[in-house]
PDB file of all heavy atoms in Angstrom:
ATOM      1  N   ASP A   1       9.599  10.512   6.481  1.00  0.00           N
ATOM      2  CA  ASP A   1       8.321   9.819   6.276  1.00  0.00           C
ATOM      3  C   ASP A   1       8.460   8.465   5.594  1.00  0.00           C
ATOM      4  O   ASP A   1       7.495   7.964   5.005  1.00  0.00           O
ATOM      5  CB  ASP A   1       7.363  10.695   5.461  1.00  0.00           C
ATOM      6  CG  ASP A   1       7.903  11.062   4.077  1.00  0.00           C
ATOM      7  OD1 ASP A   1       9.061  10.708   3.778  1.00  0.00           O
ATOM      8  OD2 ASP A   1       7.151  11.697   3.301  1.00  0.00           O
ATOM      9  N   ILE A   2       9.643   7.837   5.648  1.00  0.00           N
ATOM     10  CA  ILE A   2       9.906   6.646   4.845  1.00  0.00           C
ATOM     11  C   ILE A   2       9.787   5.367   5.670  1.00  0.00           C
ATOM     12  O   ILE A   2      10.434   5.203   6.705  1.00  0.00           O
ATOM     13  CB  ILE A   2      11.316   6.702   4.225  1.00  0.00           C
ATOM     14  CG1 ILE A   2      11.446   7.902   3.287  1.00  0.00           C
ATOM     15  CG2 ILE A   2      11.647   5.406   3.486  1.00  0.00           C
ATOM     16  CD1 ILE A   2      10.563   7.837   2.062  1.00  0.00           C
ATOM     17  N   LEU A   3       8.935   4.447   5.204  1.00  0.00           N
ATOM     18  CA  LEU A   3       8.910   3.074   5.700  1.00  0.00           C
ATOM     19  C   LEU A   3       9.768   2.256   4.736  1.00  0.00           C
ATOM     20  O   LEU A   3       9.496   2.207   3.529  1.00  0.00           O
ATOM     21  CB  LEU A   3       7.492   2.499   5.724  1.00  0.00           C
ATOM     22  CG  LEU A   3       6.482   3.170   6.647  1.00  0.00           C
ATOM     23  CD1 LEU A   3       5.680   4.207   5.867  1.00  0.00           C
ATOM     24  CD2 LEU A   3       5.539   2.133   7.260  1.00  0.00           C
ATOM     25  N   ARG A   4      10.787   1.626   5.278  1.00  0.00           N
ATOM     26  CA  ARG A   4      11.789   0.964   4.427  1.00  0.00           C
ATOM     27  C   ARG A   4      11.706  -0.553   4.611  1.00  0.00           C
ATOM     28  O   ARG A   4      11.732  -1.055   5.736  1.00  0.00           O
ATOM     29  CB  ARG A   4      13.179   1.486   4.812  1.00  0.00           C
ATOM     30  CG  ARG A   4      14.249   1.204   3.803  1.00  0.00           C
ATOM     31  CD  ARG A   4      15.530   1.916   4.182  1.00  0.00           C
ATOM     32  NE  ARG A   4      16.088   1.405   5.436  1.00  0.00           N
ATOM     33  CZ  ARG A   4      17.373   1.456   5.752  1.00  0.00           C
ATOM     34  NH1 ARG A   4      18.232   1.993   4.928  1.00  0.00           N
ATOM     35  NH2 ARG A   4      17.796   0.990   6.900  1.00  0.00           N
ATOM     36  N   PHE A   5      11.633  -1.267   3.494  1.00  0.00           N
ATOM     37  CA  PHE A   5      11.535  -2.723   3.517  1.00  0.00           C
ATOM     38  C   PHE A   5      12.667  -3.304   2.665  1.00  0.00           C
ATOM     39  O   PHE A   5      12.731  -3.070   1.460  1.00  0.00           O
ATOM     40  CB  PHE A   5      10.182  -3.177   2.968  1.00  0.00           C
ATOM     41  CG  PHE A   5       9.012  -2.632   3.737  1.00  0.00           C
ATOM     42  CD1 PHE A   5       8.391  -1.456   3.332  1.00  0.00           C
ATOM     43  CD2 PHE A   5       8.559  -3.271   4.878  1.00  0.00           C
ATOM     44  CE1 PHE A   5       7.319  -0.932   4.049  1.00  0.00           C
ATOM     45  CE2 PHE A   5       7.486  -2.761   5.600  1.00  0.00           C
ATOM     46  CZ  PHE A   5       6.863  -1.591   5.189  1.00  0.00           C
ATOM     47  N   GLY A   6      13.559  -4.045   3.314  1.00  0.00           N
ATOM     48  CA  GLY A   6      14.707  -4.625   2.629  1.00  0.00           C
ATOM     49  C   GLY A   6      14.466  -6.078   2.278  1.00  0.00           C
ATOM     50  O   GLY A   6      13.835  -6.822   3.039  1.00  0.00           O
ATOM     51  N   PHE A   7      14.992  -6.502   1.137  1.00  0.00           N
ATOM     52  CA  PHE A   7      14.798  -7.870   0.651  1.00  0.00           C
ATOM     53  C   PHE A   7      16.128  -8.615   0.679  1.00  0.00           C
ATOM     54  O   PHE A   7      17.087  -8.220   0.016  1.00  0.00           O
ATOM     55  CB  PHE A   7      14.190  -7.842  -0.750  1.00  0.00           C
ATOM     56  CG  PHE A   7      12.884  -7.105  -0.770  1.00  0.00           C
ATOM     57  CD1 PHE A   7      12.831  -5.776  -1.158  1.00  0.00           C
ATOM     58  CD2 PHE A   7      11.724  -7.709  -0.327  1.00  0.00           C
ATOM     59  CE1 PHE A   7      11.637  -5.064  -1.130  1.00  0.00           C
ATOM     60  CE2 PHE A   7      10.524  -7.022  -0.287  1.00  0.00           C
ATOM     61  CZ  PHE A   7      10.484  -5.691  -0.693  1.00  0.00           C
ATOM     62  N   THR A   8      16.166  -9.665   1.463  1.00  0.00           N
ATOM     63  CA  THR A   8      17.362 -10.477   1.644  1.00  0.00           C
ATOM     64  C   THR A   8      17.050 -11.874   1.122  1.00  0.00           C
ATOM     65  O   THR A   8      16.539 -12.725   1.855  1.00  0.00           O
ATOM     66  CB  THR A   8      17.766 -10.515   3.126  1.00  0.00           C
ATOM     67  OG1 THR A   8      16.600 -10.745   3.926  1.00  0.00           O
ATOM     68  CG2 THR A   8      18.384  -9.189   3.548  1.00  0.00           C
ATOM     69  N   PRO A   9      17.329 -12.121  -0.146  1.00  0.00           N
ATOM     70  CA  PRO A   9      16.837 -13.327  -0.820  1.00  0.00           C
ATOM     71  C   PRO A   9      17.299 -14.649  -0.225  1.00  0.00           C
ATOM     72  O   PRO A   9      16.649 -15.671  -0.451  1.00  0.00           O
ATOM     73  CB  PRO A   9      17.362 -13.156  -2.250  1.00  0.00           C
ATOM     74  CG  PRO A   9      17.491 -11.679  -2.422  1.00  0.00           C
ATOM     75  CD  PRO A   9      17.959 -11.182  -1.093  1.00  0.00           C
ATOM     76  N   LEU A  10      18.402 -14.662   0.508  1.00  0.00           N
ATOM     77  CA  LEU A  10      18.873 -15.935   1.053  1.00  0.00           C
ATOM     78  C   LEU A  10      17.955 -16.474   2.139  1.00  0.00           C
ATOM     79  O   LEU A  10      17.947 -17.676   2.390  1.00  0.00           O
ATOM     80  CB  LEU A  10      20.297 -15.792   1.602  1.00  0.00           C
ATOM     81  CG  LEU A  10      21.392 -15.532   0.563  1.00  0.00           C
ATOM     82  CD1 LEU A  10      22.751 -15.471   1.241  1.00  0.00           C
ATOM     83  CD2 LEU A  10      21.395 -16.618  -0.512  1.00  0.00           C
ATOM     84  N   TYR A  11      17.197 -15.604   2.793  1.00  0.00           N
ATOM     85  CA  TYR A  11      16.336 -16.126   3.861  1.00  0.00           C
ATOM     86  C   TYR A  11      14.925 -15.546   3.880  1.00  0.00           C
ATOM     87  O   TYR A  11      14.151 -15.834   4.782  1.00  0.00           O
ATOM     88  CB  TYR A  11      16.981 -15.932   5.241  1.00  0.00           C
ATOM     89  CG  TYR A  11      17.432 -14.533   5.588  1.00  0.00           C
ATOM     90  CD1 TYR A  11      16.531 -13.571   6.025  1.00  0.00           C
ATOM     91  CD2 TYR A  11      18.773 -14.176   5.519  1.00  0.00           C
ATOM     92  CE1 TYR A  11      16.941 -12.304   6.382  1.00  0.00           C
ATOM     93  CE2 TYR A  11      19.203 -12.905   5.867  1.00  0.00           C
ATOM     94  CZ  TYR A  11      18.281 -11.969   6.300  1.00  0.00           C
ATOM     95  OH  TYR A  11      18.705 -10.709   6.654  1.00  0.00           O
ATOM     96  N   LEU A  12      14.560 -14.760   2.889  1.00  0.00           N
ATOM     97  CA  LEU A  12      13.212 -14.203   2.823  1.00  0.00           C
ATOM     98  C   LEU A  12      12.398 -14.950   1.780  1.00  0.00           C
ATOM     99  O   LEU A  12      12.805 -15.067   0.625  1.00  0.00           O
ATOM    100  CB  LEU A  12      13.268 -12.716   2.475  1.00  0.00           C
ATOM    101  CG  LEU A  12      11.922 -11.994   2.360  1.00  0.00           C
ATOM    102  CD1 LEU A  12      11.224 -11.946   3.714  1.00  0.00           C
ATOM    103  CD2 LEU A  12      12.117 -10.585   1.807  1.00  0.00           C
ATOM    104  N   GLY A  13      11.232 -15.450   2.201  1.00  0.00           N
ATOM    105  CA  GLY A  13      10.371 -16.190   1.294  1.00  0.00           C
ATOM    106  C   GLY A  13       9.392 -15.297   0.555  1.00  0.00           C
ATOM    107  O   GLY A  13       9.120 -14.162   0.963  1.00  0.00           O
ATOM    108  N   TYR A  14       8.848 -15.823  -0.516  1.00  0.00           N
ATOM    109  CA  TYR A  14       7.880 -15.063  -1.309  1.00  0.00           C
ATOM    110  C   TYR A  14       6.546 -14.904  -0.577  1.00  0.00           C
ATOM    111  O   TYR A  14       5.954 -13.818  -0.574  1.00  0.00           O
ATOM    112  CB  TYR A  14       7.638 -15.762  -2.655  1.00  0.00           C
ATOM    113  CG  TYR A  14       8.745 -15.566  -3.663  1.00  0.00           C
ATOM    114  CD1 TYR A  14       9.762 -16.508  -3.817  1.00  0.00           C
ATOM    115  CD2 TYR A  14       8.774 -14.443  -4.477  1.00  0.00           C
ATOM    116  CE1 TYR A  14      10.770 -16.337  -4.758  1.00  0.00           C
ATOM    117  CE2 TYR A  14       9.776 -14.259  -5.427  1.00  0.00           C
ATOM    118  CZ  TYR A  14      10.771 -15.208  -5.554  1.00  0.00           C
ATOM    119  OH  TYR A  14      11.775 -15.017  -6.485  1.00  0.00           O
ATOM    120  N   ALA A  15       6.048 -15.970   0.021  1.00  0.00           N
ATOM    121  CA  ALA A  15       4.756 -15.879   0.704  1.00  0.00           C
ATOM    122  C   ALA A  15       4.809 -14.883   1.853  1.00  0.00           C
ATOM    123  O   ALA A  15       3.786 -14.282   2.216  1.00  0.00           O
ATOM    124  CB  ALA A  15       4.330 -17.253   1.210  1.00  0.00           C
ATOM    125  N   GLU A  16       5.972 -14.697   2.427  1.00  0.00           N
ATOM    126  CA  GLU A  16       6.115 -13.720   3.510  1.00  0.00           C
ATOM    127  C   GLU A  16       5.813 -12.304   3.027  1.00  0.00           C
ATOM    128  O   GLU A  16       5.384 -11.452   3.814  1.00  0.00           O
ATOM    129  CB  GLU A  16       7.524 -13.788   4.097  1.00  0.00           C
ATOM    130  CG  GLU A  16       7.789 -15.049   4.908  1.00  0.00           C
ATOM    131  CD  GLU A  16       9.200 -15.064   5.476  1.00  0.00           C
ATOM    132  OE1 GLU A  16      10.161 -15.079   4.678  1.00  0.00           O
ATOM    133  OE2 GLU A  16       9.335 -15.060   6.715  1.00  0.00           O
ATOM    134  N   LEU A  17       6.027 -12.048   1.751  1.00  0.00           N
ATOM    135  CA  LEU A  17       5.707 -10.732   1.213  1.00  0.00           C
ATOM    136  C   LEU A  17       4.205 -10.483   1.268  1.00  0.00           C
ATOM    137  O   LEU A  17       3.754  -9.397   1.666  1.00  0.00           O
ATOM    138  CB  LEU A  17       6.203 -10.613  -0.234  1.00  0.00           C
ATOM    139  CG  LEU A  17       7.678 -10.906  -0.496  1.00  0.00           C
ATOM    140  CD1 LEU A  17       7.966 -10.780  -1.984  1.00  0.00           C
ATOM    141  CD2 LEU A  17       8.564  -9.979   0.310  1.00  0.00           C
ATOM    142  N   TRP A  18       3.446 -11.473   0.868  1.00  0.00           N
ATOM    143  CA  TRP A  18       1.992 -11.349   0.911  1.00  0.00           C
ATOM    144  C   TRP A  18       1.534 -11.160   2.354  1.00  0.00           C
ATOM    145  O   TRP A  18       0.705 -10.291   2.650  1.00  0.00           O
ATOM    146  CB  TRP A  18       1.341 -12.596   0.303  1.00  0.00           C
ATOM    147  CG  TRP A  18      -0.114 -12.413  -0.029  1.00  0.00           C
ATOM    148  CD1 TRP A  18      -0.640 -12.038  -1.229  1.00  0.00           C
ATOM    149  CD2 TRP A  18      -1.220 -12.576   0.859  1.00  0.00           C
ATOM    150  NE1 TRP A  18      -2.013 -11.971  -1.153  1.00  0.00           N
ATOM    151  CE2 TRP A  18      -2.399 -12.298   0.123  1.00  0.00           C
ATOM    152  CE3 TRP A  18      -1.341 -12.944   2.204  1.00  0.00           C
ATOM    153  CZ2 TRP A  18      -3.662 -12.359   0.691  1.00  0.00           C
ATOM    154  CZ3 TRP A  18      -2.605 -13.004   2.777  1.00  0.00           C
ATOM    155  CH2 TRP A  18      -3.754 -12.726   2.024  1.00  0.00           C
ATOM    156  N   ASP A  19       2.092 -11.950   3.265  1.00  0.00           N
ATOM    157  CA  ASP A  19       1.700 -11.859   4.683  1.00  0.00           C
ATOM    158  C   ASP A  19       2.026 -10.484   5.256  1.00  0.00           C
ATOM    159  O   ASP A  19       1.242  -9.911   6.020  1.00  0.00           O
ATOM    160  CB  ASP A  19       2.418 -12.937   5.498  1.00  0.00           C
ATOM    161  CG  ASP A  19       1.981 -14.347   5.118  1.00  0.00           C
ATOM    162  OD1 ASP A  19       0.895 -14.495   4.512  1.00  0.00           O
ATOM    163  OD2 ASP A  19       2.730 -15.295   5.416  1.00  0.00           O
ATOM    164  N   ALA A  20       3.184  -9.942   4.888  1.00  0.00           N
ATOM    165  CA  ALA A  20       3.589  -8.636   5.407  1.00  0.00           C
ATOM    166  C   ALA A  20       2.638  -7.542   4.943  1.00  0.00           C
ATOM    167  O   ALA A  20       2.218  -6.680   5.738  1.00  0.00           O
ATOM    168  CB  ALA A  20       5.012  -8.324   4.964  1.00  0.00           C
ATOM    169  N   VAL A  21       2.279  -7.558   3.672  1.00  0.00           N
ATOM    170  CA  VAL A  21       1.376  -6.534   3.145  1.00  0.00           C
ATOM    171  C   VAL A  21      -0.016  -6.693   3.740  1.00  0.00           C
ATOM    172  O   VAL A  21      -0.705  -5.699   4.026  1.00  0.00           O
ATOM    173  CB  VAL A  21       1.344  -6.572   1.608  1.00  0.00           C
ATOM    174  CG1 VAL A  21       0.292  -5.621   1.048  1.00  0.00           C
ATOM    175  CG2 VAL A  21       2.718  -6.213   1.047  1.00  0.00           C
ATOM    176  N   TRP A  22      -0.428  -7.928   3.971  1.00  0.00           N
ATOM    177  CA  TRP A  22      -1.742  -8.168   4.576  1.00  0.00           C
ATOM    178  C   TRP A  22      -1.801  -7.604   5.997  1.00  0.00           C
ATOM    179  O   TRP A  22      -2.797  -6.985   6.387  1.00  0.00           O
ATOM    180  CB  TRP A  22      -2.063  -9.653   4.577  1.00  0.00           C
ATOM    181  CG  TRP A  22      -3.488  -9.937   4.973  1.00  0.00           C
ATOM    182  CD1 TRP A  22      -3.949 -10.397   6.170  1.00  0.00           C
ATOM    183  CD2 TRP A  22      -4.646  -9.731   4.155  1.00  0.00           C
ATOM    184  NE1 TRP A  22      -5.310 -10.509   6.150  1.00  0.00           N
ATOM    185  CE2 TRP A  22      -5.775 -10.097   4.923  1.00  0.00           C
ATOM    186  CE3 TRP A  22      -4.827  -9.281   2.849  1.00  0.00           C
ATOM    187  CZ2 TRP A  22      -7.064 -10.018   4.431  1.00  0.00           C
ATOM    188  CZ3 TRP A  22      -6.125  -9.197   2.355  1.00  0.00           C
ATOM    189  CH2 TRP A  22      -7.223  -9.574   3.145  1.00  0.00           C
ATOM    190  N   VAL A  23      -0.727  -7.792   6.761  1.00  0.00           N
ATOM    191  CA  VAL A  23      -0.671  -7.216   8.109  1.00  0.00           C
ATOM    192  C   VAL A  23      -0.719  -5.692   8.026  1.00  0.00           C
ATOM    193  O   VAL A  23      -1.417  -5.026   8.803  1.00  0.00           O
ATOM    194  CB  VAL A  23       0.596  -7.679   8.854  1.00  0.00           C
ATOM    195  CG1 VAL A  23       0.769  -6.906  10.167  1.00  0.00           C
ATOM    196  CG2 VAL A  23       0.521  -9.174   9.146  1.00  0.00           C
ATOM    197  N   LEU A  24       0.013  -5.123   7.086  1.00  0.00           N
ATOM    198  CA  LEU A  24       0.001  -3.676   6.918  1.00  0.00           C
ATOM    199  C   LEU A  24      -1.404  -3.182   6.563  1.00  0.00           C
ATOM    200  O   LEU A  24      -1.855  -2.138   7.063  1.00  0.00           O
ATOM    201  CB  LEU A  24       1.002  -3.280   5.830  1.00  0.00           C
ATOM    202  CG  LEU A  24       1.156  -1.793   5.511  1.00  0.00           C
ATOM    203  CD1 LEU A  24       1.438  -0.977   6.764  1.00  0.00           C
ATOM    204  CD2 LEU A  24       2.261  -1.585   4.474  1.00  0.00           C
ATOM    205  N   LYS A  25      -2.090  -3.929   5.733  1.00  0.00           N
ATOM    206  CA  LYS A  25      -3.462  -3.559   5.365  1.00  0.00           C
ATOM    207  C   LYS A  25      -4.373  -3.581   6.594  1.00  0.00           C
ATOM    208  O   LYS A  25      -5.185  -2.655   6.809  1.00  0.00           O
ATOM    209  CB  LYS A  25      -3.985  -4.520   4.297  1.00  0.00           C
ATOM    210  CG  LYS A  25      -5.400  -4.213   3.818  1.00  0.00           C
ATOM    211  CD  LYS A  25      -5.835  -5.200   2.746  1.00  0.00           C
ATOM    212  CE  LYS A  25      -7.242  -4.886   2.249  1.00  0.00           C
ATOM    213  NZ  LYS A  25      -7.678  -5.850   1.198  1.00  0.00           N
ATOM    214  N   GLU A  26      -4.230  -4.601   7.427  1.00  0.00           N
ATOM    215  CA  GLU A  26      -5.057  -4.682   8.641  1.00  0.00           C
ATOM    216  C   GLU A  26      -4.777  -3.514   9.581  1.00  0.00           C
ATOM    217  O   GLU A  26      -5.699  -2.941  10.177  1.00  0.00           O
ATOM    218  CB  GLU A  26      -4.798  -6.008   9.359  1.00  0.00           C
ATOM    219  CG  GLU A  26      -5.348  -7.220   8.628  1.00  0.00           C
ATOM    220  CD  GLU A  26      -5.112  -8.510   9.384  1.00  0.00           C
ATOM    221  OE1 GLU A  26      -4.190  -8.566  10.226  1.00  0.00           O
ATOM    222  OE2 GLU A  26      -5.869  -9.482   9.146  1.00  0.00           O
ATOM    223  N   ILE A  27      -3.515  -3.164   9.716  1.00  0.00           N
ATOM    224  CA  ILE A  27      -3.132  -2.049  10.585  1.00  0.00           C
ATOM    225  C   ILE A  27      -3.757  -0.742  10.103  1.00  0.00           C
ATOM    226  O   ILE A  27      -4.202   0.089  10.909  1.00  0.00           O
ATOM    227  CB  ILE A  27      -1.591  -1.928  10.640  1.00  0.00           C
ATOM    228  CG1 ILE A  27      -1.011  -3.053  11.487  1.00  0.00           C
ATOM    229  CG2 ILE A  27      -1.153  -0.573  11.178  1.00  0.00           C
ATOM    230  CD1 ILE A  27       0.483  -3.187  11.363  1.00  0.00           C
ATOM    231  N   MET A  28      -3.790  -0.557   8.799  1.00  0.00           N
ATOM    232  CA  MET A  28      -4.366   0.663   8.251  1.00  0.00           C
ATOM    233  C   MET A  28      -5.889   0.663   8.391  1.00  0.00           C
ATOM    234  O   MET A  28      -6.494   1.698   8.705  1.00  0.00           O
ATOM    235  CB  MET A  28      -3.983   0.820   6.781  1.00  0.00           C
ATOM    236  CG  MET A  28      -2.477   0.916   6.529  1.00  0.00           C
ATOM    237  SD  MET A  28      -1.641   2.146   7.558  1.00  0.00           S
ATOM    238  CE  MET A  28      -2.406   3.670   6.979  1.00  0.00           C
ATOM    239  N   GLU A  29      -6.515  -0.498   8.185  1.00  0.00           N
ATOM    240  CA  GLU A  29      -7.973  -0.547   8.228  1.00  0.00           C
ATOM    241  C   GLU A  29      -8.508  -0.420   9.646  1.00  0.00           C
ATOM    242  O   GLU A  29      -9.559   0.208   9.860  1.00  0.00           O
ATOM    243  CB  GLU A  29      -8.472  -1.839   7.575  1.00  0.00           C
ATOM    244  CG  GLU A  29      -8.270  -1.831   6.053  1.00  0.00           C
ATOM    245  CD  GLU A  29      -8.751  -3.098   5.382  1.00  0.00           C
ATOM    246  OE1 GLU A  29      -8.996  -4.096   6.102  1.00  0.00           O
ATOM    247  OE2 GLU A  29      -8.883  -3.092   4.141  1.00  0.00           O
ATOM    248  N   ASP A  30      -7.817  -1.014  10.624  1.00  0.00           N
ATOM    249  CA  ASP A  30      -8.313  -0.903  12.005  1.00  0.00           C
ATOM    250  C   ASP A  30      -7.675   0.259  12.773  1.00  0.00           C
ATOM    251  O   ASP A  30      -7.967   0.461  13.950  1.00  0.00           O
ATOM    252  CB  ASP A  30      -8.129  -2.218  12.769  1.00  0.00           C
ATOM    253  CG  ASP A  30      -6.663  -2.605  12.995  1.00  0.00           C
ATOM    254  OD1 ASP A  30      -5.775  -1.737  12.852  1.00  0.00           O
ATOM    255  OD2 ASP A  30      -6.413  -3.779  13.339  1.00  0.00           O
ATOM    256  N   ARG A  31      -6.777   1.001  12.090  1.00  0.00           N
ATOM    257  CA  ARG A  31      -6.099   2.169  12.651  1.00  0.00           C
ATOM    258  C   ARG A  31      -5.341   1.853  13.948  1.00  0.00           C
ATOM    259  O   ARG A  31      -5.137   2.724  14.808  1.00  0.00           O
ATOM    260  CB  ARG A  31      -7.092   3.321  12.894  1.00  0.00           C
ATOM    261  CG  ARG A  31      -7.633   3.923  11.611  1.00  0.00           C
ATOM    262  CD  ARG A  31      -8.493   5.154  11.906  1.00  0.00           C
ATOM    263  NE  ARG A  31      -7.741   6.225  12.567  1.00  0.00           N
ATOM    264  CZ  ARG A  31      -7.013   7.129  11.931  1.00  0.00           C
ATOM    265  NH1 ARG A  31      -6.905   7.087  10.598  1.00  0.00           N
ATOM    266  NH2 ARG A  31      -6.391   8.076  12.599  1.00  0.00           N
ATOM    267  N   SER A  32      -4.887   0.630  14.072  1.00  0.00           N
ATOM    268  CA  SER A  32      -4.113   0.277  15.267  1.00  0.00           C
ATOM    269  C   SER A  32      -2.785   1.020  15.308  1.00  0.00           C
ATOM    270  O   SER A  32      -2.167   1.142  16.379  1.00  0.00           O
ATOM    271  CB  SER A  32      -3.884  -1.233  15.337  1.00  0.00           C
ATOM    272  OG  SER A  32      -3.243  -1.714  14.174  1.00  0.00           O
ATOM    273  N   TRP A  33      -2.331   1.540  14.154  1.00  0.00           N
ATOM    274  CA  TRP A  33      -1.100   2.324  14.133  1.00  0.00           C
ATOM    275  C   TRP A  33      -1.214   3.590  14.970  1.00  0.00           C
ATOM    276  O   TRP A  33      -0.192   4.165  15.388  1.00  0.00           O
ATOM    277  CB  TRP A  33      -0.724   2.711  12.702  1.00  0.00           C
ATOM    278  CG  TRP A  33      -1.757   3.564  12.007  1.00  0.00           C
ATOM    279  CD1 TRP A  33      -2.770   3.142  11.199  1.00  0.00           C
ATOM    280  CD2 TRP A  33      -1.880   4.991  12.080  1.00  0.00           C
ATOM    281  NE1 TRP A  33      -3.530   4.191  10.759  1.00  0.00           N
ATOM    282  CE2 TRP A  33      -3.001   5.343  11.285  1.00  0.00           C
ATOM    283  CE3 TRP A  33      -1.173   6.000  12.728  1.00  0.00           C
ATOM    284  CZ2 TRP A  33      -3.426   6.669  11.128  1.00  0.00           C
ATOM    285  CZ3 TRP A  33      -1.588   7.321  12.578  1.00  0.00           C
ATOM    286  CH2 TRP A  33      -2.697   7.645  11.786  1.00  0.00           C
ATOM    287  N   ASP A  34      -2.444   4.031  15.238  1.00  0.00           N
ATOM    288  CA  ASP A  34      -2.652   5.314  15.917  1.00  0.00           C
ATOM    289  C   ASP A  34      -2.684   5.189  17.437  1.00  0.00           C
ATOM    290  O   ASP A  34      -3.019   6.151  18.126  1.00  0.00           O
ATOM    291  CB  ASP A  34      -3.944   5.956  15.421  1.00  0.00           C
ATOM    292  CG  ASP A  34      -3.942   7.474  15.563  1.00  0.00           C
ATOM    293  OD1 ASP A  34      -2.850   8.044  15.726  1.00  0.00           O
ATOM    294  OD2 ASP A  34      -5.030   8.076  15.527  1.00  0.00           O
ATOM    295  N   ARG A  35      -2.346   4.019  17.957  1.00  0.00           N
ATOM    296  CA  ARG A  35      -2.277   3.871  19.413  1.00  0.00           C
ATOM    297  C   ARG A  35      -1.126   4.703  19.973  1.00  0.00           C
ATOM    298  O   ARG A  35      -0.079   4.839  19.319  1.00  0.00           O
ATOM    299  CB  ARG A  35      -2.093   2.398  19.783  1.00  0.00           C
ATOM    300  CG  ARG A  35      -3.292   1.528  19.425  1.00  0.00           C
ATOM    301  CD  ARG A  35      -2.973   0.067  19.670  1.00  0.00           C
ATOM    302  NE  ARG A  35      -4.061  -0.797  19.217  1.00  0.00           N
ATOM    303  CZ  ARG A  35      -3.974  -2.104  19.065  1.00  0.00           C
ATOM    304  NH1 ARG A  35      -2.816  -2.735  19.317  1.00  0.00           N
ATOM    305  NH2 ARG A  35      -5.006  -2.806  18.653  1.00  0.00           N
ATOM    306  N   PRO A  36      -1.287   5.248  21.158  1.00  0.00           N
ATOM    307  CA  PRO A  36      -0.244   6.128  21.722  1.00  0.00           C
ATOM    308  C   PRO A  36       1.134   5.494  21.774  1.00  0.00           C
ATOM    309  O   PRO A  36       2.139   6.172  21.523  1.00  0.00           O
ATOM    310  CB  PRO A  36      -0.780   6.440  23.126  1.00  0.00           C
ATOM    311  CG  PRO A  36      -2.254   6.286  23.017  1.00  0.00           C
ATOM    312  CD  PRO A  36      -2.471   5.175  22.032  1.00  0.00           C
ATOM    313  N   GLU A  37       1.203   4.202  22.093  1.00  0.00           N
ATOM    314  CA  GLU A  37       2.522   3.572  22.235  1.00  0.00           C
ATOM    315  C   GLU A  37       3.300   3.538  20.918  1.00  0.00           C
ATOM    316  O   GLU A  37       4.529   3.485  20.908  1.00  0.00           O
ATOM    317  CB  GLU A  37       2.398   2.144  22.789  1.00  0.00           C
ATOM    318  CG  GLU A  37       1.650   1.158  21.908  1.00  0.00           C
ATOM    319  CD  GLU A  37       0.162   1.066  22.217  1.00  0.00           C
ATOM    320  OE1 GLU A  37      -0.384   2.072  22.737  1.00  0.00           O
ATOM    321  OE2 GLU A  37      -0.437   0.000  21.959  1.00  0.00           O
ATOM    322  N   HIS A  38       2.584   3.587  19.792  1.00  0.00           N
ATOM    323  CA  HIS A  38       3.267   3.543  18.508  1.00  0.00           C
ATOM    324  C   HIS A  38       3.791   4.919  18.076  1.00  0.00           C
ATOM    325  O   HIS A  38       4.621   5.014  17.168  1.00  0.00           O
ATOM    326  CB  HIS A  38       2.345   2.999  17.427  1.00  0.00           C
ATOM    327  CG  HIS A  38       1.922   1.580  17.668  1.00  0.00           C
ATOM    328  ND1 HIS A  38       2.775   0.627  18.191  1.00  0.00           N
ATOM    329  CD2 HIS A  38       0.729   0.947  17.472  1.00  0.00           C
ATOM    330  CE1 HIS A  38       2.140  -0.505  18.304  1.00  0.00           C
ATOM    331  NE2 HIS A  38       0.889  -0.348  17.873  1.00  0.00           N
TER     332      HIS A  38
END
């Protein structure tokens, strides 16, 4: 049941963290994760 997120500081930006969590929030709120293909 683990979603794993790795941090690679040489090429990962800070603002990308906010963007990633925001996308995850949208997926949970609109339940797009529950589509059959996923």
